[in-house]
Amino acid sequence: MSKRRRARIDFTDSAIAQTNKLTEPEIHALDRALAALSADPTMGEPIPGSAPELRRYDDDIENVTVIFYVTALRTVIVVAYVEA
């Protein structure tokens, strides 16, 4: 049984700027949400009419929102927006 590799996380410039404004607890919450997304890039809901197809993941436990898209081979998740 082969274990699926986690997707790599990458950030747009605007998402990097947003993460630079987060507090330490918010960064830890975001890290946990991104770890979950890297294990299952299909999490979240598609955002209709977006190109590339953006997805929105809301982690109610960590109080984090991530807007992202996944590359065709599901090996990279590109984070476009974060809110914590």
Protein backbone atom coordinates (compact mmCIF):
# COMPACT_ATOMS: atom_id res chain seq x y z
CA MET A 1 0.00 0.00 0.00
CA SER A 2 1.60 3.27 -1.09
CA LYS A 3 1.22 6.37 0.99
CA ARG A 4 0.15 9.49 -0.88
CA ARG A 5 2.63 12.34 -0.64
CA ARG A 6 1.51 15.63 0.82
CA ALA A 7 1.09 18.54 -1.55
CA ARG A 8 3.65 21.32 -1.29
CA ILE A 9 2.30 24.70 -0.13
CA ASP A 10 3.24 27.87 -2.00
CA PHE A 11 1.96 31.44 -1.54
CA THR A 12 1.15 34.31 -3.85
CA ASP A 13 2.85 37.61 -3.03
CA SER A 14 -0.36 39.01 -1.56
CA ALA A 15 -0.81 35.94 0.67
CA ILE A 16 2.78 36.35 1.90
CA ALA A 17 2.01 39.96 2.80
CA GLN A 18 -1.07 38.80 4.72
CA THR A 19 0.85 36.16 6.66
CA ASN A 20 3.46 38.75 7.62
CA LYS A 21 0.72 40.59 9.54
CA LEU A 22 -0.45 37.55 11.53
CA THR A 23 0.30 37.08 15.21
CA GLU A 24 2.20 34.02 16.45
CA PRO A 25 -0.99 32.18 17.55
CA GLU A 26 -2.60 32.96 14.17
CA ILE A 27 0.46 31.57 12.36
CA HIS A 28 0.21 28.33 14.35
CA ALA A 29 -3.50 28.05 13.52
CA LEU A 30 -2.75 28.67 9.83
CA ASP A 31 0.01 26.04 9.90
CA ARG A 32 -2.43 23.43 11.21
CA ALA A 33 -4.97 24.32 8.51
CA LEU A 34 -2.31 24.16 5.79
CA ALA A 35 -1.12 20.78 7.07
CA ALA A 36 -4.66 19.47 6.70
CA LEU A 37 -4.93 20.90 3.18
CA SER A 38 -1.59 19.43 2.14
CA ALA A 39 -2.87 15.98 3.14
CA ASP A 40 -6.17 16.45 1.28
CA PRO A 41 -6.14 19.22 -1.37
CA THR A 42 -9.80 18.54 -2.18
CA MET A 43 -10.95 20.02 1.13
CA GLY A 44 -12.97 23.19 1.04
CA GLU A 45 -15.58 24.37 -1.39
CA PRO A 46 -15.06 25.43 -5.01
CA ILE A 47 -15.63 29.13 -5.68
CA PRO A 48 -17.95 29.22 -8.74
CA GLY A 49 -16.74 31.16 -11.76
CA SER A 50 -13.14 31.50 -10.61
CA ALA A 51 -10.21 30.80 -12.91
CA PRO A 52 -8.10 28.99 -12.03
CA GLU A 53 -10.63 27.10 -9.96
CA LEU A 54 -10.24 28.58 -6.52
CA ARG A 55 -11.34 26.76 -3.39
CA ARG A 56 -12.27 28.19 -0.01
CA TYR A 57 -11.39 26.28 3.13
CA ASP A 58 -12.84 27.49 6.42
CA ASP A 59 -11.44 25.82 9.52
CA ASP A 60 -13.97 26.66 12.22
CA ILE A 61 -11.89 25.11 15.00
CA GLU A 62 -8.79 27.14 14.18
CA ASN A 63 -10.82 30.14 12.94
CA VAL A 64 -8.84 30.29 9.69
CA THR A 65 -9.92 30.90 6.08
CA VAL A 66 -7.70 29.94 3.15
CA ILE A 67 -8.44 30.67 -0.51
CA PHE A 68 -6.28 28.50 -2.77
CA TYR A 69 -5.98 26.55 -5.98
CA VAL A 70 -4.37 23.20 -6.62
CA THR A 71 -2.09 22.41 -9.55
CA ALA A 72 -3.22 19.83 -12.11
CA LEU A 73 -1.24 16.98 -10.56
CA ARG A 74 -2.36 17.96 -7.04
CA THR A 75 1.27 18.28 -5.95
CA VAL A 76 1.22 22.01 -5.16
CA ILE A 77 -1.35 24.13 -3.35
CA VAL A 78 -1.06 27.83 -4.17
CA VAL A 79 -2.47 29.98 -1.37
CA ALA A 80 -3.99 33.21 -2.68
CA TYR A 81 -5.57 34.57 0.52
CA VAL A 82 -5.44 33.86 4.23
CA GLU A 83 -7.42 35.19 7.16
CA ALA A 84 -6.94 34.21 10.77
